[in-house]
Amino acid sequence: MEIPVGVDVICGTEVCGRSKYLVINPVNDQVTHLVVAEKAFPHAQHLVPLDTVQSSTATSTRLRCSASELAGMDAFIPSDYLDPVDLEAITPYSESVLLWPYGIHGNPQELADAAHVPSGEV
């Protein structure tokens, strides 16, 4: 099934939000979730498991849940990771940096310094 991004999302008989992103498992390149922003302000974004998607067209995606069930799903909080381009550059920060299989985590200023990213650009 093709799932478009940026289209209306329908819960039951009402438009309950808009699709924003697809979440992909980096190990097997499979789509795992659809991110839906609620229609109502403040447009909270939720992770919708792929098996909740009932059907999809080029203009809309229909879910197997109500708008209130959508509001109860896990929040989507985007994160950006810096790739460890030069592992030697972050060695002085080894106490505060954790390398994960799919990214890097640590003190943002130290990571920015290590990656030579200008302040305020991370």
N, C-alpha and C. Protein backbone atom coordinates (compact mmCIF):
# COMPACT_ATOMS: atom_id res chain seq x y z
N MET A 1 0.84 -1.17 0.00
CA MET A 1 0.00 0.00 0.00
C MET A 1 0.89 1.24 0.00
N GLU A 2 0.58 2.20 -0.83
CA GLU A 2 1.30 3.46 -0.84
C GLU A 2 0.61 4.41 0.13
N ILE A 3 1.40 5.07 0.98
CA ILE A 3 0.86 5.99 1.97
C ILE A 3 1.44 7.37 1.70
N PRO A 4 0.61 8.30 1.20
CA PRO A 4 1.12 9.64 0.90
C PRO A 4 1.30 10.48 2.16
N VAL A 5 2.17 11.45 2.06
CA VAL A 5 2.41 12.39 3.14
C VAL A 5 1.83 13.74 2.72
N GLY A 6 1.25 14.46 3.68
CA GLY A 6 0.68 15.76 3.38
C GLY A 6 -0.76 15.70 2.92
N VAL A 7 -1.45 14.63 3.27
CA VAL A 7 -2.86 14.49 2.88
C VAL A 7 -3.74 14.40 4.13
N ASP A 8 -5.05 14.58 3.93
CA ASP A 8 -6.00 14.47 5.04
C ASP A 8 -5.99 13.05 5.59
N VAL A 9 -6.16 12.97 6.91
CA VAL A 9 -6.28 11.67 7.58
C VAL A 9 -7.70 11.60 8.14
N ILE A 10 -8.38 10.52 7.84
CA ILE A 10 -9.78 10.36 8.23
C ILE A 10 -9.89 9.30 9.31
N CYS A 11 -10.59 9.67 10.40
CA CYS A 11 -10.90 8.76 11.50
C CYS A 11 -12.41 8.60 11.52
N GLY A 12 -12.91 7.41 11.21
CA GLY A 12 -14.36 7.21 11.13
C GLY A 12 -14.91 7.97 9.94
N THR A 13 -15.72 9.01 10.20
CA THR A 13 -16.33 9.79 9.13
C THR A 13 -15.81 11.22 9.09
N GLU A 14 -14.83 11.57 9.94
CA GLU A 14 -14.36 12.95 9.99
C GLU A 14 -12.86 13.05 9.70
N VAL A 15 -12.48 14.18 9.14
CA VAL A 15 -11.06 14.47 8.94
C VAL A 15 -10.50 14.84 10.31
N CYS A 16 -9.53 14.06 10.78
CA CYS A 16 -9.00 14.28 12.13
C CYS A 16 -7.58 14.83 12.12
N GLY A 17 -6.97 14.94 10.94
CA GLY A 17 -5.61 15.48 10.90
C GLY A 17 -5.01 15.38 9.51
N ARG A 18 -3.68 15.56 9.47
CA ARG A 18 -2.92 15.46 8.21
C ARG A 18 -1.71 14.59 8.44
N SER A 19 -1.38 13.81 7.42
CA SER A 19 -0.17 12.98 7.52
C SER A 19 1.04 13.88 7.35
N LYS A 20 2.07 13.65 8.17
CA LYS A 20 3.26 14.50 8.16
C LYS A 20 4.52 13.76 7.73
N TYR A 21 4.73 12.58 8.29
CA TYR A 21 5.97 11.83 8.03
C TYR A 21 5.67 10.34 8.03
N LEU A 22 6.59 9.58 7.46
CA LEU A 22 6.61 8.13 7.61
C LEU A 22 7.84 7.80 8.44
N VAL A 23 7.69 6.88 9.38
CA VAL A 23 8.81 6.43 10.20
C VAL A 23 9.27 5.10 9.64
N ILE A 24 10.57 5.03 9.35
CA ILE A 24 11.13 3.84 8.69
C ILE A 24 12.18 3.21 9.60
N ASN A 25 12.10 1.90 9.75
CA ASN A 25 13.09 1.14 10.50
C ASN A 25 14.38 1.14 9.68
N PRO A 26 15.48 1.69 10.23
CA PRO A 26 16.72 1.78 9.44
C PRO A 26 17.40 0.43 9.20
N VAL A 27 17.02 -0.59 9.93
CA VAL A 27 17.64 -1.90 9.76
C VAL A 27 17.11 -2.61 8.52
N ASN A 28 15.77 -2.57 8.35
CA ASN A 28 15.18 -3.31 7.23
C ASN A 28 14.46 -2.42 6.22
N ASP A 29 14.53 -1.09 6.40
CA ASP A 29 13.89 -0.12 5.49
C ASP A 29 12.39 -0.32 5.35
N GLN A 30 11.74 -0.82 6.39
CA GLN A 30 10.30 -1.01 6.38
C GLN A 30 9.61 0.14 7.12
N VAL A 31 8.49 0.61 6.56
CA VAL A 31 7.70 1.64 7.23
C VAL A 31 7.04 1.02 8.45
N THR A 32 7.18 1.68 9.60
CA THR A 32 6.61 1.17 10.84
C THR A 32 5.45 2.02 11.36
N HIS A 33 5.50 3.33 11.11
CA HIS A 33 4.49 4.24 11.63
C HIS A 33 4.22 5.37 10.64
N LEU A 34 3.07 5.96 10.79
CA LEU A 34 2.69 7.18 10.10
C LEU A 34 2.57 8.25 11.17
N VAL A 35 3.12 9.43 10.92
CA VAL A 35 2.98 10.53 11.87
C VAL A 35 1.82 11.39 11.39
N VAL A 36 0.86 11.60 12.31
CA VAL A 36 -0.33 12.38 11.99
C VAL A 36 -0.41 13.58 12.92
N ALA A 37 -0.57 14.77 12.34
CA ALA A 37 -0.79 16.00 13.11
C ALA A 37 -2.30 16.18 13.25
N GLU A 38 -2.75 16.36 14.50
CA GLU A 38 -4.18 16.56 14.74
C GLU A 38 -4.69 17.78 14.00
N LYS A 39 -5.96 17.75 13.64
CA LYS A 39 -6.60 18.86 12.93
C LYS A 39 -6.71 20.09 13.84
N ALA A 40 -7.03 19.85 15.11
CA ALA A 40 -7.25 20.94 16.06
C ALA A 40 -5.93 21.49 16.60
N PHE A 41 -5.92 22.80 16.83
CA PHE A 41 -4.76 23.45 17.43
C PHE A 41 -4.49 22.82 18.79
N PRO A 42 -3.30 22.51 19.18
CA PRO A 42 -2.01 22.94 18.65
C PRO A 42 -1.40 21.95 17.65
N HIS A 43 -2.24 21.14 17.03
CA HIS A 43 -1.81 20.20 15.98
C HIS A 43 -0.76 19.21 16.50
N ALA A 44 -1.06 18.62 17.66
CA ALA A 44 -0.15 17.62 18.23
C ALA A 44 0.08 16.50 17.23
N GLN A 45 1.31 15.99 17.21
CA GLN A 45 1.67 14.93 16.27
C GLN A 45 1.74 13.60 17.01
N HIS A 46 1.19 12.56 16.38
CA HIS A 46 1.13 11.25 17.00
C HIS A 46 1.71 10.18 16.09
N LEU A 47 2.32 9.17 16.72
CA LEU A 47 2.83 7.99 16.01
C LEU A 47 1.68 7.01 15.83
N VAL A 48 1.33 6.74 14.59
CA VAL A 48 0.23 5.82 14.29
C VAL A 48 0.84 4.54 13.73
N PRO A 49 0.68 3.40 14.43
CA PRO A 49 1.23 2.14 13.91
C PRO A 49 0.65 1.85 12.53
N LEU A 50 1.46 1.27 11.69
CA LEU A 50 1.07 1.00 10.31
C LEU A 50 -0.17 0.13 10.22
N ASP A 51 -0.36 -0.80 11.16
CA ASP A 51 -1.55 -1.66 11.09
C ASP A 51 -2.85 -0.92 11.41
N THR A 52 -2.75 0.34 11.83
CA THR A 52 -3.93 1.17 12.08
C THR A 52 -4.43 1.82 10.78
N VAL A 53 -3.59 1.83 9.75
CA VAL A 53 -3.99 2.41 8.46
C VAL A 53 -4.91 1.42 7.76
N GLN A 54 -6.15 1.87 7.51
CA GLN A 54 -7.14 1.01 6.87
C GLN A 54 -6.99 1.04 5.36
N SER A 55 -6.88 2.25 4.80
CA SER A 55 -6.73 2.40 3.35
C SER A 55 -6.10 3.74 3.05
N SER A 56 -5.66 3.88 1.81
CA SER A 56 -4.97 5.11 1.44
C SER A 56 -5.17 5.39 -0.04
N THR A 57 -5.37 6.68 -0.36
CA THR A 57 -5.46 7.11 -1.75
C THR A 57 -4.47 8.26 -1.92
N ALA A 58 -4.43 8.83 -3.09
CA ALA A 58 -3.51 9.96 -3.34
C ALA A 58 -3.93 11.21 -2.58
N THR A 59 -5.19 11.26 -2.12
CA THR A 59 -5.68 12.47 -1.44
C THR A 59 -6.02 12.29 0.03
N SER A 60 -6.04 11.06 0.52
CA SER A 60 -6.38 10.84 1.94
C SER A 60 -5.92 9.48 2.43
N THR A 61 -5.85 9.39 3.74
CA THR A 61 -5.53 8.12 4.41
C THR A 61 -6.60 7.89 5.46
N ARG A 62 -7.16 6.70 5.48
CA ARG A 62 -8.21 6.35 6.45
C ARG A 62 -7.62 5.44 7.52
N LEU A 63 -7.92 5.79 8.80
CA LEU A 63 -7.43 5.01 9.94
C LEU A 63 -8.53 4.16 10.55
N ARG A 64 -8.13 3.10 11.23
CA ARG A 64 -9.05 2.23 11.95
C ARG A 64 -9.16 2.69 13.41
N CYS A 65 -9.40 3.96 13.62
CA CYS A 65 -9.53 4.48 14.98
C CYS A 65 -10.34 5.76 14.95
N SER A 66 -10.79 6.18 16.13
CA SER A 66 -11.52 7.44 16.24
C SER A 66 -10.53 8.58 16.48
N ALA A 67 -11.01 9.81 16.38
CA ALA A 67 -10.17 10.98 16.65
C ALA A 67 -9.67 10.96 18.08
N SER A 68 -10.50 10.51 19.02
CA SER A 68 -10.07 10.45 20.42
C SER A 68 -9.01 9.36 20.63
N GLU A 69 -9.12 8.26 19.90
CA GLU A 69 -8.10 7.22 19.99
C GLU A 69 -6.78 7.72 19.39
N LEU A 70 -6.86 8.49 18.31
CA LEU A 70 -5.66 9.08 17.73
C LEU A 70 -4.99 9.99 18.75
N ALA A 71 -5.77 10.80 19.45
CA ALA A 71 -5.22 11.72 20.44
C ALA A 71 -4.53 10.98 21.59
N GLY A 72 -4.90 9.73 21.82
CA GLY A 72 -4.30 8.93 22.88
C GLY A 72 -3.06 8.16 22.47
N MET A 73 -2.71 8.22 21.18
CA MET A 73 -1.52 7.50 20.71
C MET A 73 -0.25 8.25 21.11
N ASP A 74 0.87 7.53 21.08
CA ASP A 74 2.15 8.12 21.48
C ASP A 74 2.45 9.38 20.70
N ALA A 75 3.01 10.36 21.40
CA ALA A 75 3.40 11.61 20.76
C ALA A 75 4.63 11.39 19.89
N PHE A 76 4.68 12.11 18.79
CA PHE A 76 5.86 12.09 17.93
C PHE A 76 6.68 13.31 18.27
N ILE A 77 7.91 13.09 18.70
CA ILE A 77 8.82 14.17 19.04
C ILE A 77 10.05 14.00 18.17
N PRO A 78 10.19 14.86 17.15
CA PRO A 78 11.33 14.70 16.24
C PRO A 78 12.65 14.97 16.92
N SER A 79 13.67 14.23 16.53
CA SER A 79 15.04 14.41 17.04
C SER A 79 15.98 14.44 15.86
N ASP A 80 17.00 15.22 15.98
CA ASP A 80 18.05 15.24 14.97
C ASP A 80 19.32 14.70 15.60
N TYR A 81 20.04 13.91 14.85
CA TYR A 81 21.29 13.33 15.32
C TYR A 81 22.43 13.78 14.43
N LEU A 82 23.58 13.94 15.04
CA LEU A 82 24.78 14.25 14.29
C LEU A 82 25.51 12.94 14.01
N ASP A 83 25.92 12.75 12.79
CA ASP A 83 26.69 11.56 12.46
C ASP A 83 28.12 11.74 12.93
N PRO A 84 28.69 10.71 13.54
CA PRO A 84 30.08 10.83 13.99
C PRO A 84 31.04 10.73 12.81
N VAL A 85 31.21 11.84 12.09
CA VAL A 85 32.06 11.86 10.91
C VAL A 85 33.49 11.52 11.28
N ASP A 86 33.96 12.09 12.37
CA ASP A 86 35.33 11.87 12.81
C ASP A 86 35.29 11.46 14.28
N LEU A 87 35.36 10.15 14.53
CA LEU A 87 35.26 9.67 15.91
C LEU A 87 36.38 10.20 16.79
N GLU A 88 37.55 10.48 16.22
CA GLU A 88 38.64 11.02 17.02
C GLU A 88 38.30 12.40 17.54
N ALA A 89 37.49 13.15 16.81
CA ALA A 89 37.13 14.50 17.22
C ALA A 89 36.26 14.49 18.48
N ILE A 90 35.49 13.41 18.71
CA ILE A 90 34.62 13.38 19.90
C ILE A 90 35.24 12.61 21.06
N THR A 91 36.45 12.07 20.88
CA THR A 91 37.09 11.31 21.95
C THR A 91 37.18 12.09 23.26
N PRO A 92 37.51 13.40 23.24
CA PRO A 92 37.56 14.13 24.51
C PRO A 92 36.22 14.17 25.23
N TYR A 93 35.14 13.90 24.52
CA TYR A 93 33.81 13.98 25.12
C TYR A 93 33.22 12.61 25.41
N SER A 94 34.05 11.60 25.46
CA SER A 94 33.55 10.23 25.59
C SER A 94 32.74 10.02 26.86
N GLU A 95 32.92 10.86 27.87
CA GLU A 95 32.15 10.72 29.10
C GLU A 95 30.69 11.11 28.90
N SER A 96 30.41 12.02 27.96
CA SER A 96 29.04 12.52 27.80
C SER A 96 28.41 12.11 26.48
N VAL A 97 29.08 11.29 25.71
CA VAL A 97 28.57 10.91 24.40
C VAL A 97 28.25 9.43 24.39
N LEU A 98 27.09 9.11 23.86
CA LEU A 98 26.68 7.72 23.71
C LEU A 98 26.47 7.46 22.23
N LEU A 99 27.19 6.51 21.68
CA LEU A 99 27.00 6.15 20.26
C LEU A 99 25.97 5.03 20.20
N TRP A 100 24.92 5.27 19.47
CA TRP A 100 23.89 4.27 19.26
C TRP A 100 24.08 3.66 17.88
N PRO A 101 23.41 2.56 17.63
CA PRO A 101 23.57 1.97 16.29
C PRO A 101 23.11 2.91 15.18
N TYR A 102 22.20 3.85 15.47
CA TYR A 102 21.63 4.67 14.41
C TYR A 102 21.85 6.16 14.63
N GLY A 103 22.72 6.55 15.51
CA GLY A 103 22.94 7.97 15.74
C GLY A 103 23.90 8.19 16.87
N ILE A 104 23.95 9.42 17.32
CA ILE A 104 24.85 9.81 18.37
C ILE A 104 24.08 10.70 19.33
N HIS A 105 24.39 10.60 20.62
CA HIS A 105 23.67 11.39 21.61
C HIS A 105 24.67 11.91 22.62
N GLY A 106 24.47 13.10 23.08
CA GLY A 106 25.35 13.67 24.08
C GLY A 106 25.03 15.12 24.32
N ASN A 107 25.91 15.82 24.98
CA ASN A 107 25.74 17.23 25.25
C ASN A 107 25.74 17.97 23.91
N PRO A 108 24.65 18.70 23.58
CA PRO A 108 24.55 19.33 22.25
C PRO A 108 25.69 20.28 21.92
N GLN A 109 26.14 21.09 22.88
CA GLN A 109 27.21 22.02 22.56
C GLN A 109 28.51 21.29 22.29
N GLU A 110 28.78 20.24 23.08
CA GLU A 110 30.01 19.47 22.86
C GLU A 110 29.95 18.77 21.51
N LEU A 111 28.77 18.26 21.14
CA LEU A 111 28.63 17.60 19.84
C LEU A 111 28.79 18.60 18.71
N ALA A 112 28.23 19.79 18.89
CA ALA A 112 28.36 20.82 17.86
C ALA A 112 29.82 21.21 17.69
N ASP A 113 30.53 21.35 18.82
CA ASP A 113 31.95 21.69 18.76
C ASP A 113 32.72 20.58 18.05
N ALA A 114 32.40 19.33 18.39
CA ALA A 114 33.12 18.20 17.80
C ALA A 114 32.87 18.10 16.31
N ALA A 115 31.67 18.44 15.88
CA ALA A 115 31.32 18.32 14.46
C ALA A 115 31.58 19.62 13.70
N HIS A 116 32.11 20.62 14.40
CA HIS A 116 32.41 21.92 13.78
C HIS A 116 31.14 22.57 13.21
N VAL A 117 30.04 22.44 13.96
CA VAL A 117 28.79 23.06 13.56
C VAL A 117 28.70 24.41 14.27
N PRO A 118 28.42 25.49 13.55
CA PRO A 118 28.34 26.79 14.19
C PRO A 118 27.28 26.81 15.30
N SER A 119 27.53 27.56 16.34
CA SER A 119 26.60 27.67 17.47
C SER A 119 25.24 28.14 16.97
N GLY A 120 24.19 27.52 17.49
CA GLY A 120 22.83 27.87 17.09
C GLY A 120 22.35 27.20 15.83
N GLU A 121 23.20 26.41 15.20
CA GLU A 121 22.82 25.75 13.95
C GLU A 121 22.43 24.29 14.15
N VAL A 122 22.60 23.75 15.36
CA VAL A 122 22.27 22.35 15.60
C VAL A 122 20.78 22.21 15.70
